[in-house]
């Protein structure tokens, strides 16, 4: 299933996006989909990195707590 969104852009923002799409030789839709996918993956990656940092930092504590149960 696909969903669509509508956003308001200034003429200058729209032109910049069109120019960027032309530089990469893709349609504006493809440029926006790829950009959005990168943004979503970056956020997921940042969360995973933060979670791994917390788990690694507190590993000894978690082992001690686990031994209590």
N, C-alpha and C. Protein backbone atom coordinates (compact mmCIF):
# COMPACT_ATOMS: atom_id res chain seq x y z
N UNK A 1 0.85 -1.18 0.00
CA UNK A 1 0.00 0.00 0.00
C UNK A 1 0.89 1.24 0.00
N UNK A 2 0.52 2.20 -0.78
CA UNK A 2 1.28 3.45 -0.84
C UNK A 2 0.43 4.58 -0.28
N UNK A 3 1.08 5.49 0.37
CA UNK A 3 0.44 6.70 0.87
C UNK A 3 1.12 7.88 0.23
N UNK A 4 0.44 8.98 0.21
CA UNK A 4 1.05 10.19 -0.35
C UNK A 4 0.88 11.33 0.64
N UNK A 5 1.76 12.30 0.52
CA UNK A 5 1.68 13.50 1.34
C UNK A 5 1.78 14.71 0.43
N UNK A 6 1.30 15.82 0.91
CA UNK A 6 1.41 17.09 0.20
C UNK A 6 2.08 18.08 1.13
N UNK A 7 3.08 18.76 0.63
CA UNK A 7 3.75 19.79 1.44
C UNK A 7 3.80 21.08 0.63
N UNK A 8 3.80 22.18 1.35
CA UNK A 8 3.92 23.49 0.71
C UNK A 8 5.38 23.89 0.66
N UNK A 9 5.84 24.26 -0.52
CA UNK A 9 7.21 24.73 -0.72
C UNK A 9 7.16 26.10 -1.36
N UNK A 10 8.14 26.90 -1.04
CA UNK A 10 8.26 28.17 -1.75
C UNK A 10 8.72 27.86 -3.18
N UNK A 11 8.54 28.81 -4.06
CA UNK A 11 9.00 28.62 -5.44
C UNK A 11 10.49 28.35 -5.47
N UNK A 12 11.22 29.03 -4.61
CA UNK A 12 12.68 28.86 -4.59
C UNK A 12 13.08 27.47 -4.09
N UNK A 13 12.39 26.96 -3.08
CA UNK A 13 12.67 25.61 -2.59
C UNK A 13 12.37 24.57 -3.65
N UNK A 14 11.24 24.74 -4.33
CA UNK A 14 10.85 23.81 -5.38
C UNK A 14 11.88 23.82 -6.51
N UNK A 15 12.34 25.01 -6.88
CA UNK A 15 13.33 25.12 -7.95
C UNK A 15 14.65 24.45 -7.55
N UNK A 16 15.06 24.64 -6.29
CA UNK A 16 16.29 24.00 -5.81
C UNK A 16 16.18 22.48 -5.88
N UNK A 17 15.03 21.95 -5.50
CA UNK A 17 14.83 20.50 -5.57
C UNK A 17 14.85 20.01 -7.01
N UNK A 18 14.21 20.75 -7.90
CA UNK A 18 14.23 20.37 -9.32
C UNK A 18 15.65 20.40 -9.87
N UNK A 19 16.40 21.43 -9.49
CA UNK A 19 17.79 21.54 -9.95
C UNK A 19 18.63 20.37 -9.43
N UNK A 20 18.45 20.02 -8.17
CA UNK A 20 19.20 18.92 -7.58
C UNK A 20 18.85 17.59 -8.25
N UNK A 21 17.57 17.39 -8.52
CA UNK A 21 17.16 16.17 -9.22
C UNK A 21 17.81 16.11 -10.60
N UNK A 22 17.88 17.24 -11.27
CA UNK A 22 18.50 17.28 -12.60
C UNK A 22 19.99 16.95 -12.52
N UNK A 23 20.66 17.44 -11.48
CA UNK A 23 22.09 17.15 -11.30
C UNK A 23 22.31 15.65 -11.18
N UNK A 24 21.44 14.97 -10.44
CA UNK A 24 21.58 13.52 -10.25
C UNK A 24 20.92 12.71 -11.35
N UNK A 25 20.22 13.38 -12.24
CA UNK A 25 19.60 12.69 -13.36
C UNK A 25 18.43 11.81 -12.96
N UNK A 26 17.69 12.25 -11.95
CA UNK A 26 16.53 11.49 -11.48
C UNK A 26 15.32 12.42 -11.45
N UNK A 27 14.15 11.81 -11.31
CA UNK A 27 12.95 12.62 -11.18
C UNK A 27 12.90 13.24 -9.79
N UNK A 28 12.09 14.26 -9.67
CA UNK A 28 11.92 14.91 -8.37
C UNK A 28 11.36 13.91 -7.35
N UNK A 29 10.44 13.07 -7.78
CA UNK A 29 9.85 12.07 -6.89
C UNK A 29 10.92 11.10 -6.36
N UNK A 30 11.79 10.64 -7.24
CA UNK A 30 12.85 9.72 -6.83
C UNK A 30 13.79 10.41 -5.85
N UNK A 31 14.17 11.64 -6.15
CA UNK A 31 15.05 12.40 -5.26
C UNK A 31 14.45 12.50 -3.86
N UNK A 32 13.17 12.84 -3.79
CA UNK A 32 12.52 13.00 -2.50
C UNK A 32 12.38 11.67 -1.76
N UNK A 33 12.05 10.60 -2.48
CA UNK A 33 11.94 9.28 -1.83
C UNK A 33 13.29 8.84 -1.27
N UNK A 34 14.35 9.01 -2.04
CA UNK A 34 15.68 8.62 -1.58
C UNK A 34 16.10 9.46 -0.38
N UNK A 35 15.85 10.76 -0.45
CA UNK A 35 16.19 11.64 0.66
C UNK A 35 15.45 11.29 1.93
N UNK A 36 14.17 10.99 1.79
CA UNK A 36 13.37 10.61 2.95
C UNK A 36 13.83 9.28 3.53
N UNK A 37 14.12 8.33 2.66
CA UNK A 37 14.62 7.02 3.12
C UNK A 37 15.94 7.18 3.87
N UNK A 38 16.84 8.01 3.36
CA UNK A 38 18.10 8.26 4.05
C UNK A 38 17.86 8.87 5.43
N UNK A 39 16.94 9.80 5.49
CA UNK A 39 16.62 10.45 6.77
C UNK A 39 16.06 9.44 7.76
N UNK A 40 15.15 8.61 7.33
CA UNK A 40 14.56 7.60 8.22
C UNK A 40 15.60 6.58 8.67
N UNK A 41 16.45 6.15 7.78
CA UNK A 41 17.50 5.19 8.14
C UNK A 41 18.51 5.81 9.08
N UNK A 42 18.83 7.09 8.90
CA UNK A 42 19.77 7.78 9.77
C UNK A 42 19.23 7.82 11.19
N UNK A 43 17.95 8.16 11.33
CA UNK A 43 17.34 8.23 12.66
C UNK A 43 17.36 6.86 13.33
N UNK A 44 17.04 5.81 12.58
CA UNK A 44 17.07 4.45 13.12
C UNK A 44 18.48 4.09 13.54
N UNK A 45 19.45 4.44 12.70
CA UNK A 45 20.85 4.15 12.99
C UNK A 45 21.29 4.86 14.27
N UNK A 46 20.89 6.11 14.43
CA UNK A 46 21.26 6.87 15.63
C UNK A 46 20.68 6.21 16.88
N UNK A 47 19.43 5.74 16.81
CA UNK A 47 18.81 5.07 17.94
C UNK A 47 19.56 3.79 18.28
N UNK A 48 19.86 3.00 17.27
CA UNK A 48 20.58 1.73 17.48
C UNK A 48 21.94 2.01 18.10
N UNK A 49 22.65 3.02 17.61
CA UNK A 49 23.95 3.37 18.17
C UNK A 49 23.83 3.78 19.64
N UNK A 50 22.81 4.59 19.95
CA UNK A 50 22.61 5.03 21.34
C UNK A 50 22.25 3.85 22.24
N UNK A 51 21.38 2.98 21.76
CA UNK A 51 20.99 1.81 22.55
C UNK A 51 22.19 0.90 22.80
N UNK A 52 23.00 0.67 21.79
CA UNK A 52 24.20 -0.16 21.96
C UNK A 52 25.17 0.47 22.95
N UNK A 53 25.30 1.78 22.91
CA UNK A 53 26.19 2.48 23.84
C UNK A 53 25.72 2.28 25.28
N UNK A 54 24.42 2.44 25.51
CA UNK A 54 23.86 2.27 26.86
C UNK A 54 24.03 0.82 27.32
N UNK A 55 23.73 -0.13 26.44
CA UNK A 55 23.86 -1.55 26.81
C UNK A 55 25.30 -1.91 27.13
N UNK A 56 26.23 -1.42 26.34
CA UNK A 56 27.65 -1.71 26.57
C UNK A 56 28.12 -1.06 27.87
N UNK A 57 27.73 0.19 28.06
CA UNK A 57 28.17 0.95 29.24
C UNK A 57 27.65 0.30 30.53
N UNK A 58 26.44 -0.24 30.48
CA UNK A 58 25.82 -0.79 31.68
C UNK A 58 25.82 -2.31 31.73
N UNK A 59 26.65 -2.96 30.92
CA UNK A 59 26.66 -4.43 30.83
C UNK A 59 26.90 -5.08 32.19
N UNK A 60 27.86 -4.57 32.95
CA UNK A 60 28.17 -5.16 34.25
C UNK A 60 26.97 -5.04 35.20
N UNK A 61 26.32 -3.91 35.18
CA UNK A 61 25.14 -3.70 36.02
C UNK A 61 24.04 -4.69 35.63
N UNK A 62 23.81 -4.85 34.35
CA UNK A 62 22.77 -5.77 33.89
C UNK A 62 23.11 -7.21 34.29
N UNK A 63 24.39 -7.58 34.25
CA UNK A 63 24.78 -8.93 34.67
C UNK A 63 24.50 -9.12 36.16
N UNK A 64 24.84 -8.12 36.97
CA UNK A 64 24.59 -8.23 38.41
C UNK A 64 23.09 -8.31 38.70
N UNK A 65 22.31 -7.49 38.01
CA UNK A 65 20.86 -7.52 38.21
C UNK A 65 20.29 -8.86 37.77
N UNK A 66 20.80 -9.40 36.67
CA UNK A 66 20.33 -10.69 36.17
C UNK A 66 20.62 -11.82 37.14
N UNK A 67 21.72 -11.71 37.88
CA UNK A 67 22.10 -12.75 38.83
C UNK A 67 21.14 -12.77 40.02
N UNK A 68 20.43 -11.68 40.26
CA UNK A 68 19.50 -11.60 41.38
C UNK A 68 18.19 -12.32 41.09
N UNK A 69 17.94 -12.64 39.84
CA UNK A 69 16.64 -13.22 39.49
C UNK A 69 16.78 -14.65 39.14
